[in-house]
Amino acid sequence: MEQDTSSREQLNLRIDSTLAMQTKILAIQQKRRPNAIVEEALRDLLKKYKVKA
């Protein structure tokens, strides 16, 4: 599900430290980058709420 980096935008956020740690652990377990985990979660959330670009 990795996407082309040419269409990327930086988004700086502050999140709960436990959530950040869990994301890093999941990324290691899945052999993926934490960024990919967060992007997947955001896509799922936007789909849930039927948000379109």
Protein backbone atom coordinates (compact mmCIF):
# COMPACT_ATOMS: atom_id res chain seq x y z
CA MET A 1 0.00 0.00 0.00
CA GLU A 2 3.07 2.24 -0.16
CA GLN A 3 2.58 5.25 -2.41
CA ASP A 4 4.80 7.42 -4.56
CA THR A 5 6.72 9.92 -2.42
CA SER A 6 6.41 12.70 -5.04
CA SER A 7 2.89 13.53 -3.83
CA ARG A 8 3.68 13.63 -0.13
CA GLU A 9 3.13 16.50 2.27
CA GLN A 10 4.62 16.92 5.72
CA LEU A 11 2.12 17.04 8.59
CA ASN A 12 3.47 17.64 12.09
CA LEU A 13 1.27 16.35 14.90
CA ARG A 14 1.50 15.75 18.62
CA ILE A 15 -0.07 12.47 19.68
CA ASP A 16 -0.37 10.51 22.91
CA SER A 17 2.98 8.88 23.74
CA THR A 18 1.37 5.47 24.28
CA LEU A 19 -0.28 5.67 20.86
CA ALA A 20 3.05 6.62 19.29
CA MET A 21 4.80 3.67 20.96
CA GLN A 22 2.07 1.24 19.88
CA THR A 23 2.38 2.53 16.31
CA LYS A 24 6.16 1.98 16.34
CA ILE A 25 5.73 -1.54 17.73
CA LEU A 26 3.14 -2.42 15.10
CA ALA A 27 5.40 -1.04 12.37
CA ILE A 28 8.24 -3.27 13.56
CA GLN A 29 5.96 -6.31 13.75
CA GLN A 30 4.62 -5.63 10.24
CA LYS A 31 8.08 -4.73 8.86
CA ARG A 32 6.70 -1.39 7.67
CA ARG A 33 7.48 2.26 8.33
CA PRO A 34 5.47 3.96 11.10
CA ASN A 35 4.38 6.51 8.48
CA ALA A 36 2.76 3.71 6.43
CA ILE A 37 0.86 2.50 9.51
CA VAL A 38 -0.45 6.01 10.22
CA GLU A 39 -1.42 6.56 6.57
CA GLU A 40 -3.38 3.30 6.55
CA ALA A 41 -5.18 4.30 9.76
CA LEU A 42 -6.06 7.72 8.33
CA ARG A 43 -7.36 6.18 5.09
CA ASP A 44 -9.53 3.77 7.10
CA LEU A 45 -10.87 6.64 9.24
CA LEU A 46 -11.68 8.79 6.20
CA LYS A 47 -13.41 5.83 4.54
CA LYS A 48 -15.43 5.21 7.73
CA TYR A 49 -16.71 8.80 7.67
CA LYS A 50 -17.03 8.80 3.87
CA VAL A 51 -14.69 11.76 3.43
CA LYS A 52 -13.59 12.35 -0.18
CA ALA A 53 -10.83 14.60 -1.45
